[in-house]
């Protein structure tokens, strides 16, 4: 019981009609109709070295053409559109279940001092790997005189 209270999907956390329909769908179909959030869908590891940031994002089920990257003002933005169609049939070809899930996901990461022109990305086996080379540190930092 105590663990159910801490679970974000607990009925104690749901309100009104959403609570009724979420519980009805979960009890009848299991968790097959729950759509994950961007943080659940885009699990991320970020590594930093002196030369670059390396970002690895798990994006299972996404197509490369449905992913986009942007870097502006020290913010890396990753967006993706997910389209899944599931159709299960029996041995006679009768449809037992047909589902469609569509959604857009977006996450932003603050990664300052990056050479925008040198950013590279690769998508393989559901993992998006982005390399963001850092800019050379500036040496013109002088104290500001107060008059």
N, C-alpha and C. Protein backbone atom coordinates (compact mmCIF):
# COMPACT_ATOMS: atom_id res chain seq x y z
N UNK A 1 0.83 -1.20 0.00
CA UNK A 1 0.00 0.00 0.00
C UNK A 1 0.86 1.25 0.00
N UNK A 2 1.92 1.27 0.82
CA UNK A 2 2.78 2.45 0.88
C UNK A 2 3.44 2.70 -0.47
N UNK A 3 3.84 1.64 -1.16
CA UNK A 3 4.46 1.81 -2.47
C UNK A 3 3.46 2.34 -3.49
N UNK A 4 2.19 1.97 -3.38
CA UNK A 4 1.18 2.48 -4.29
C UNK A 4 1.01 3.98 -4.14
N UNK A 5 1.17 4.50 -2.93
CA UNK A 5 1.03 5.93 -2.73
C UNK A 5 2.15 6.71 -3.39
N UNK A 6 3.33 6.11 -3.51
CA UNK A 6 4.46 6.79 -4.11
C UNK A 6 4.46 6.65 -5.64
N UNK A 7 3.68 5.74 -6.16
CA UNK A 7 3.63 5.51 -7.59
C UNK A 7 2.82 6.62 -8.25
N UNK A 8 3.40 7.30 -9.24
CA UNK A 8 2.72 8.38 -9.94
C UNK A 8 1.50 7.92 -10.71
N UNK A 9 1.39 6.64 -10.96
CA UNK A 9 0.25 6.11 -11.70
C UNK A 9 -0.82 5.57 -10.75
N UNK A 10 -0.66 5.80 -9.48
CA UNK A 10 -1.61 5.32 -8.49
C UNK A 10 -2.95 6.02 -8.66
N UNK A 11 -4.01 5.32 -8.36
CA UNK A 11 -5.33 5.93 -8.43
C UNK A 11 -5.49 7.08 -7.46
N UNK A 12 -4.69 7.12 -6.41
CA UNK A 12 -4.75 8.23 -5.46
C UNK A 12 -4.32 9.54 -6.12
N UNK A 13 -3.51 9.42 -7.19
CA UNK A 13 -2.99 10.60 -7.85
C UNK A 13 -3.89 11.08 -8.99
N UNK A 14 -4.81 10.27 -9.45
CA UNK A 14 -5.68 10.62 -10.57
C UNK A 14 -6.90 11.37 -10.05
N UNK A 15 -7.50 12.19 -10.91
CA UNK A 15 -8.63 13.00 -10.50
C UNK A 15 -9.82 12.79 -11.44
N UNK A 16 -11.02 12.87 -10.92
CA UNK A 16 -12.26 12.93 -11.68
C UNK A 16 -12.46 11.81 -12.68
N UNK A 17 -12.99 12.22 -13.86
CA UNK A 17 -13.31 11.25 -14.91
C UNK A 17 -12.06 10.55 -15.41
N UNK A 18 -10.93 11.27 -15.44
CA UNK A 18 -9.68 10.65 -15.87
C UNK A 18 -9.35 9.45 -14.99
N UNK A 19 -9.60 9.58 -13.71
CA UNK A 19 -9.32 8.49 -12.77
C UNK A 19 -10.14 7.25 -13.12
N UNK A 20 -11.43 7.47 -13.40
CA UNK A 20 -12.32 6.36 -13.74
C UNK A 20 -11.87 5.67 -15.02
N UNK A 21 -11.65 6.44 -16.09
CA UNK A 21 -11.32 5.86 -17.39
C UNK A 21 -9.92 5.26 -17.40
N UNK A 22 -8.97 5.89 -16.71
CA UNK A 22 -7.62 5.31 -16.63
C UNK A 22 -7.66 3.96 -15.92
N UNK A 23 -8.40 3.91 -14.84
CA UNK A 23 -8.47 2.65 -14.09
C UNK A 23 -9.21 1.59 -14.90
N UNK A 24 -10.29 1.98 -15.57
CA UNK A 24 -11.04 1.04 -16.39
C UNK A 24 -10.16 0.46 -17.50
N UNK A 25 -9.44 1.32 -18.21
CA UNK A 25 -8.56 0.86 -19.29
C UNK A 25 -7.44 -0.02 -18.74
N UNK A 26 -6.85 0.37 -17.60
CA UNK A 26 -5.75 -0.39 -17.03
C UNK A 26 -6.23 -1.75 -16.55
N UNK A 27 -7.42 -1.80 -15.93
CA UNK A 27 -7.94 -3.07 -15.44
C UNK A 27 -8.34 -3.99 -16.60
N UNK A 28 -8.89 -3.41 -17.65
CA UNK A 28 -9.39 -4.23 -18.76
C UNK A 28 -8.28 -4.64 -19.74
N UNK A 29 -7.43 -3.67 -20.11
CA UNK A 29 -6.42 -3.92 -21.13
C UNK A 29 -5.00 -4.05 -20.59
N UNK A 30 -4.79 -3.81 -19.32
CA UNK A 30 -3.42 -3.73 -18.81
C UNK A 30 -2.90 -2.33 -19.07
N UNK A 31 -1.59 -2.17 -19.16
CA UNK A 31 -1.00 -0.85 -19.38
C UNK A 31 -0.72 -0.56 -20.85
N UNK A 32 -1.36 -1.25 -21.78
CA UNK A 32 -1.05 -1.09 -23.19
C UNK A 32 -1.45 0.27 -23.74
N UNK A 33 -2.37 0.98 -23.11
CA UNK A 33 -2.84 2.24 -23.65
C UNK A 33 -2.16 3.46 -23.04
N UNK A 34 -1.27 3.24 -22.09
CA UNK A 34 -0.58 4.37 -21.49
C UNK A 34 0.52 4.84 -22.41
N UNK A 35 0.53 6.14 -22.68
CA UNK A 35 1.54 6.73 -23.55
C UNK A 35 2.62 7.34 -22.66
N UNK A 36 3.89 6.98 -22.88
CA UNK A 36 4.96 7.48 -22.02
C UNK A 36 5.21 8.96 -22.26
N UNK A 37 5.70 9.64 -21.24
CA UNK A 37 6.05 11.06 -21.36
C UNK A 37 7.38 11.18 -22.08
N UNK A 38 7.78 12.42 -22.38
CA UNK A 38 9.04 12.65 -23.09
C UNK A 38 10.22 12.16 -22.27
N UNK A 39 10.20 12.35 -20.96
CA UNK A 39 11.33 11.90 -20.15
C UNK A 39 11.37 10.39 -20.05
N UNK A 40 10.22 9.72 -20.10
CA UNK A 40 10.21 8.26 -20.11
C UNK A 40 10.63 7.73 -21.47
N UNK A 41 10.24 8.42 -22.54
CA UNK A 41 10.52 7.96 -23.89
C UNK A 41 11.94 8.30 -24.31
N UNK A 42 12.50 9.41 -23.86
CA UNK A 42 13.81 9.87 -24.29
C UNK A 42 14.81 9.76 -23.14
N UNK A 43 15.15 8.55 -22.75
CA UNK A 43 16.12 8.35 -21.68
C UNK A 43 17.49 8.79 -22.19
N UNK A 44 18.18 9.59 -21.38
CA UNK A 44 19.37 10.29 -21.86
C UNK A 44 20.57 10.10 -20.95
N UNK A 45 21.75 9.94 -21.57
CA UNK A 45 23.03 9.97 -20.87
C UNK A 45 23.85 11.08 -21.50
N UNK A 46 24.44 11.94 -20.67
CA UNK A 46 25.29 13.02 -21.17
C UNK A 46 26.65 12.88 -20.51
N UNK A 47 27.68 12.86 -21.34
CA UNK A 47 29.05 12.79 -20.86
C UNK A 47 29.77 14.06 -21.31
N UNK A 48 30.63 14.56 -20.44
CA UNK A 48 31.38 15.77 -20.75
C UNK A 48 32.87 15.51 -20.63
N UNK A 49 33.61 15.97 -21.63
CA UNK A 49 35.06 15.93 -21.58
C UNK A 49 35.55 17.37 -21.79
N UNK A 50 36.86 17.54 -21.81
CA UNK A 50 37.40 18.88 -22.05
C UNK A 50 37.10 19.36 -23.46
N UNK A 51 36.94 18.42 -24.40
CA UNK A 51 36.75 18.79 -25.80
C UNK A 51 35.29 18.83 -26.25
N UNK A 52 34.41 18.02 -25.63
CA UNK A 52 33.04 17.92 -26.17
C UNK A 52 32.07 17.36 -25.14
N UNK A 53 30.79 17.54 -25.47
CA UNK A 53 29.70 16.83 -24.80
C UNK A 53 29.29 15.68 -25.71
N UNK A 54 28.97 14.55 -25.13
CA UNK A 54 28.41 13.43 -25.90
C UNK A 54 27.07 13.07 -25.27
N UNK A 55 26.04 13.16 -26.08
CA UNK A 55 24.67 12.91 -25.63
C UNK A 55 24.17 11.64 -26.30
N UNK A 56 23.70 10.68 -25.50
CA UNK A 56 23.11 9.46 -26.04
C UNK A 56 21.67 9.39 -25.54
N UNK A 57 20.74 9.26 -26.50
CA UNK A 57 19.32 9.25 -26.18
C UNK A 57 18.71 7.97 -26.74
N UNK A 58 18.01 7.23 -25.88
CA UNK A 58 17.30 6.03 -26.32
C UNK A 58 15.99 6.44 -26.98
N UNK A 59 15.83 6.07 -28.24
CA UNK A 59 14.63 6.40 -28.99
C UNK A 59 14.10 5.17 -29.74
N UNK A 60 13.71 4.14 -29.01
CA UNK A 60 13.24 2.93 -29.69
C UNK A 60 11.94 3.19 -30.44
N UNK A 61 11.85 2.66 -31.64
CA UNK A 61 10.63 2.79 -32.42
C UNK A 61 10.56 4.04 -33.28
N UNK A 62 11.48 4.98 -33.09
CA UNK A 62 11.47 6.20 -33.89
C UNK A 62 12.15 5.92 -35.22
N UNK A 63 11.70 6.62 -36.26
CA UNK A 63 12.37 6.58 -37.55
C UNK A 63 13.30 7.78 -37.64
N UNK A 64 14.45 7.60 -38.28
CA UNK A 64 15.44 8.66 -38.38
C UNK A 64 14.85 9.92 -39.02
N UNK A 65 13.98 9.73 -40.01
CA UNK A 65 13.38 10.88 -40.70
C UNK A 65 12.43 11.67 -39.81
N UNK A 66 11.98 11.09 -38.71
CA UNK A 66 11.04 11.76 -37.81
C UNK A 66 11.74 12.42 -36.62
N UNK A 67 13.07 12.49 -36.65
CA UNK A 67 13.84 13.13 -35.59
C UNK A 67 14.41 14.45 -36.09
N UNK A 68 14.48 15.44 -35.20
CA UNK A 68 15.11 16.70 -35.57
C UNK A 68 15.89 17.26 -34.38
N UNK A 69 16.98 17.96 -34.71
CA UNK A 69 17.86 18.56 -33.71
C UNK A 69 18.00 20.04 -34.00
N UNK A 70 18.15 20.81 -32.92
CA UNK A 70 18.41 22.24 -33.06
C UNK A 70 19.26 22.68 -31.88
N UNK A 71 20.17 23.60 -32.14
CA UNK A 71 21.01 24.15 -31.07
C UNK A 71 21.02 25.67 -31.21
N UNK A 72 20.48 26.35 -30.21
CA UNK A 72 20.45 27.81 -30.20
C UNK A 72 20.58 28.30 -28.78
N UNK A 73 21.40 29.34 -28.59
CA UNK A 73 21.55 30.02 -27.30
C UNK A 73 21.92 29.05 -26.18
N UNK A 74 22.78 28.08 -26.48
CA UNK A 74 23.25 27.14 -25.47
C UNK A 74 22.28 26.03 -25.13
N UNK A 75 21.22 25.87 -25.90
CA UNK A 75 20.20 24.85 -25.65
C UNK A 75 20.13 23.89 -26.83
N UNK A 76 20.30 22.59 -26.54
CA UNK A 76 20.10 21.55 -27.54
C UNK A 76 18.66 21.08 -27.42
N UNK A 77 17.94 21.11 -28.53
CA UNK A 77 16.56 20.64 -28.53
C UNK A 77 16.44 19.43 -29.45
N UNK A 78 15.89 18.36 -28.90
CA UNK A 78 15.68 17.12 -29.66
C UNK A 78 14.18 16.89 -29.74
N UNK A 79 13.68 16.72 -30.96
CA UNK A 79 12.25 16.49 -31.18
C UNK A 79 12.08 15.23 -32.00
N UNK A 80 10.99 14.54 -31.75
CA UNK A 80 10.71 13.33 -32.52
C UNK A 80 9.23 13.07 -32.60
N UNK A 81 8.84 12.45 -33.69
CA UNK A 81 7.45 12.06 -33.89
C UNK A 81 7.42 10.54 -33.95
N UNK A 82 6.58 9.95 -33.12
CA UNK A 82 6.47 8.50 -33.04
C UNK A 82 5.14 8.06 -33.62
N UNK A 83 5.21 7.09 -34.54
CA UNK A 83 4.00 6.54 -35.15
C UNK A 83 4.10 5.03 -35.08
N UNK A 84 3.22 4.41 -34.31
CA UNK A 84 3.21 2.94 -34.20
C UNK A 84 1.83 2.42 -34.55
N UNK A 85 1.80 1.44 -35.41
CA UNK A 85 0.56 0.75 -35.74
C UNK A 85 0.74 -0.71 -35.38
N UNK A 86 -0.15 -1.25 -34.56
CA UNK A 86 -0.08 -2.65 -34.16
C UNK A 86 -1.37 -3.33 -34.58
N UNK A 87 -1.20 -4.46 -35.25
CA UNK A 87 -2.38 -5.21 -35.68
C UNK A 87 -2.12 -6.68 -35.41
N UNK A 88 -2.95 -7.29 -34.57
CA UNK A 88 -2.82 -8.71 -34.26
C UNK A 88 -4.01 -9.45 -34.85
N UNK A 89 -3.70 -10.56 -35.53
CA UNK A 89 -4.75 -11.37 -36.13
C UNK A 89 -4.62 -12.82 -35.67
N UNK A 90 -5.71 -13.56 -35.80
CA UNK A 90 -5.65 -14.99 -35.48
C UNK A 90 -5.23 -15.76 -36.72
N UNK A 91 -5.25 -17.09 -36.64
CA UNK A 91 -4.80 -17.94 -37.75
C UNK A 91 -5.67 -17.78 -39.01
N UNK A 92 -6.92 -17.35 -38.83
CA UNK A 92 -7.83 -17.17 -39.96
C UNK A 92 -7.76 -15.76 -40.56
N UNK A 93 -6.93 -14.90 -40.00
CA UNK A 93 -6.80 -13.54 -40.51
C UNK A 93 -7.78 -12.56 -39.89
N UNK A 94 -8.56 -12.99 -38.89
CA UNK A 94 -9.48 -12.09 -38.21
C UNK A 94 -8.69 -11.18 -37.28
N UNK A 95 -9.04 -9.91 -37.27
CA UNK A 95 -8.36 -8.95 -36.43
C UNK A 95 -8.78 -9.14 -34.98
N UNK A 96 -7.82 -9.38 -34.11
CA UNK A 96 -8.08 -9.51 -32.68
C UNK A 96 -7.90 -8.18 -31.97
N UNK A 97 -6.89 -7.44 -32.41
CA UNK A 97 -6.61 -6.14 -31.79
C UNK A 97 -5.89 -5.28 -32.81
N UNK A 98 -6.27 -4.02 -32.87
CA UNK A 98 -5.61 -3.06 -33.74
C UNK A 98 -5.43 -1.77 -32.95
N UNK A 99 -4.19 -1.31 -32.85
CA UNK A 99 -3.89 -0.10 -32.08
C UNK A 99 -3.04 0.84 -32.90
N UNK A 100 -3.20 2.12 -32.64
CA UNK A 100 -2.38 3.14 -33.25
C UNK A 100 -1.96 4.13 -32.17
N UNK A 101 -0.67 4.41 -32.13
CA UNK A 101 -0.14 5.39 -31.18
C UNK A 101 0.60 6.45 -31.98
N UNK A 102 0.22 7.68 -31.78
CA UNK A 102 0.89 8.80 -32.42
C UNK A 102 1.25 9.80 -31.33
N UNK A 103 2.40 10.38 -31.46
CA UNK A 103 2.77 11.39 -30.49
C UNK A 103 4.03 12.12 -30.90
N UNK A 104 4.19 13.30 -30.36
CA UNK A 104 5.42 14.06 -30.57
C UNK A 104 6.08 14.24 -29.21
N UNK A 105 7.39 14.15 -29.22
CA UNK A 105 8.18 14.25 -28.00
C UNK A 105 9.26 15.29 -28.22
N UNK A 106 9.58 15.99 -27.14
CA UNK A 106 10.60 17.03 -27.24
C UNK A 106 11.30 17.17 -25.90
N UNK A 107 12.61 17.28 -25.95
CA UNK A 107 13.39 17.55 -24.74
C UNK A 107 14.45 18.58 -25.07
N UNK A 108 14.82 19.34 -24.04
CA UNK A 108 15.85 20.35 -24.17
C UNK A 108 16.94 20.11 -23.14
N UNK A 109 18.17 20.39 -23.54
CA UNK A 109 19.33 20.20 -22.67
C UNK A 109 20.18 21.46 -22.74
N UNK A 110 20.56 21.98 -21.60
CA UNK A 110 21.43 23.17 -21.57
C UNK A 110 22.87 22.70 -21.63
N UNK A 111 23.53 22.98 -22.75
CA UNK A 111 24.92 22.61 -22.99
C UNK A 111 25.63 23.84 -23.57
N UNK A 112 26.24 24.66 -22.73
CA UNK A 112 26.81 25.94 -23.19
C UNK A 112 28.15 25.77 -23.90
N UNK A 113 28.53 26.84 -24.62
CA UNK A 113 29.84 26.96 -25.27
C UNK A 113 30.12 25.85 -26.27
N UNK A 114 29.22 25.65 -27.20
CA UNK A 114 29.36 24.61 -28.21
C UNK A 114 29.60 25.25 -29.58
N UNK A 115 30.45 24.62 -30.38
CA UNK A 115 30.67 25.05 -31.76
C UNK A 115 29.53 24.49 -32.61
N UNK A 116 28.52 25.30 -32.88
CA UNK A 116 27.31 24.84 -33.55
C UNK A 116 27.60 24.17 -34.90
N UNK A 117 28.53 24.71 -35.66
CA UNK A 117 28.83 24.20 -36.99
C UNK A 117 29.47 22.81 -36.95
N UNK A 118 30.03 22.42 -35.81
CA UNK A 118 30.73 21.15 -35.70
C UNK A 118 29.90 20.04 -35.05
N UNK A 119 28.64 20.30 -34.73
CA UNK A 119 27.79 19.29 -34.09
C UNK A 119 27.54 18.16 -35.09
N UNK A 120 27.66 16.92 -34.60
CA UNK A 120 27.38 15.76 -35.45
C UNK A 120 26.44 14.82 -34.70
N UNK A 121 25.67 14.04 -35.47
CA UNK A 121 24.71 13.11 -34.87
C UNK A 121 24.61 11.86 -35.71
N UNK A 122 24.35 10.73 -35.03
CA UNK A 122 24.15 9.45 -35.70
C UNK A 122 23.02 8.71 -34.98
N UNK A 123 22.21 8.00 -35.75
CA UNK A 123 21.10 7.23 -35.18
C UNK A 123 21.25 5.78 -35.63
N UNK A 124 21.44 4.88 -34.66
CA UNK A 124 21.63 3.47 -34.98
C UNK A 124 21.03 2.61 -33.86
N UNK A 125 20.27 1.61 -34.23
CA UNK A 125 19.68 0.65 -33.29
C UNK A 125 18.89 1.33 -32.18
N UNK A 126 18.16 2.39 -32.51
CA UNK A 126 17.33 3.07 -31.52
C UNK A 126 18.06 4.01 -30.59
N UNK A 127 19.35 4.26 -30.85
CA UNK A 127 20.15 5.16 -30.02
C UNK A 127 20.60 6.35 -30.86
N UNK A 128 20.25 7.55 -30.44
CA UNK A 128 20.71 8.77 -31.08
C UNK A 128 21.93 9.26 -30.32
N UNK A 129 23.07 9.37 -31.01
CA UNK A 129 24.31 9.84 -30.40
C UNK A 129 24.66 11.19 -31.02
N UNK A 130 24.79 12.20 -30.16
CA UNK A 130 25.08 13.56 -30.62
C UNK A 130 26.40 13.98 -29.99
N UNK A 131 27.32 14.48 -30.81
CA UNK A 131 28.60 14.99 -30.32
C UNK A 131 28.60 16.50 -30.53
N UNK A 132 28.82 17.23 -29.43
CA UNK A 132 28.82 18.69 -29.47
C UNK A 132 30.20 19.19 -29.03
N UNK A 133 31.10 19.51 -29.99
CA UNK A 133 32.43 20.00 -29.62
C UNK A 133 32.34 21.35 -28.91
N UNK A 134 33.15 21.52 -27.90
CA UNK A 134 33.15 22.76 -27.14
C UNK A 134 34.00 23.81 -27.84
N UNK A 135 33.67 25.07 -27.59
CA UNK A 135 34.47 26.18 -28.08
C UNK A 135 35.70 26.32 -27.19
N UNK A 136 36.75 26.86 -27.75
CA UNK A 136 37.95 27.11 -26.96
C UNK A 136 37.62 28.20 -25.94
N UNK A 137 38.12 28.06 -24.71
CA UNK A 137 37.83 29.07 -23.71
C UNK A 137 38.47 30.41 -24.10
N UNK A 138 37.76 31.46 -23.80
CA UNK A 138 38.28 32.79 -24.11
C UNK A 138 39.25 33.23 -23.01
N UNK A 139 40.29 33.93 -23.44
CA UNK A 139 41.30 34.38 -22.48
C UNK A 139 41.25 35.88 -22.27
N UNK A 140 40.23 36.54 -22.81
CA UNK A 140 40.15 37.99 -22.68
C UNK A 140 39.35 38.43 -21.45
N UNK A 141 39.34 37.61 -20.45
CA UNK A 141 38.61 37.96 -19.23
C UNK A 141 39.47 38.88 -18.38
N UNK A 142 39.06 40.11 -18.30
CA UNK A 142 39.77 41.11 -17.50
C UNK A 142 38.78 41.67 -16.49
N UNK A 143 39.28 42.09 -15.37
CA UNK A 143 38.37 42.73 -14.41
C UNK A 143 37.78 44.00 -15.00
N UNK A 144 36.55 44.26 -14.64
CA UNK A 144 35.88 45.47 -15.12
C UNK A 144 36.13 46.58 -14.11
N UNK A 145 36.62 47.70 -14.62
CA UNK A 145 36.92 48.86 -13.77
C UNK A 145 35.63 49.58 -13.40
N UNK A 146 35.53 49.96 -12.18
CA UNK A 146 34.38 50.74 -11.72
C UNK A 146 34.83 52.18 -11.55
N UNK A 147 34.17 53.11 -12.19
CA UNK A 147 34.51 54.54 -12.07
C UNK A 147 33.62 55.24 -11.08
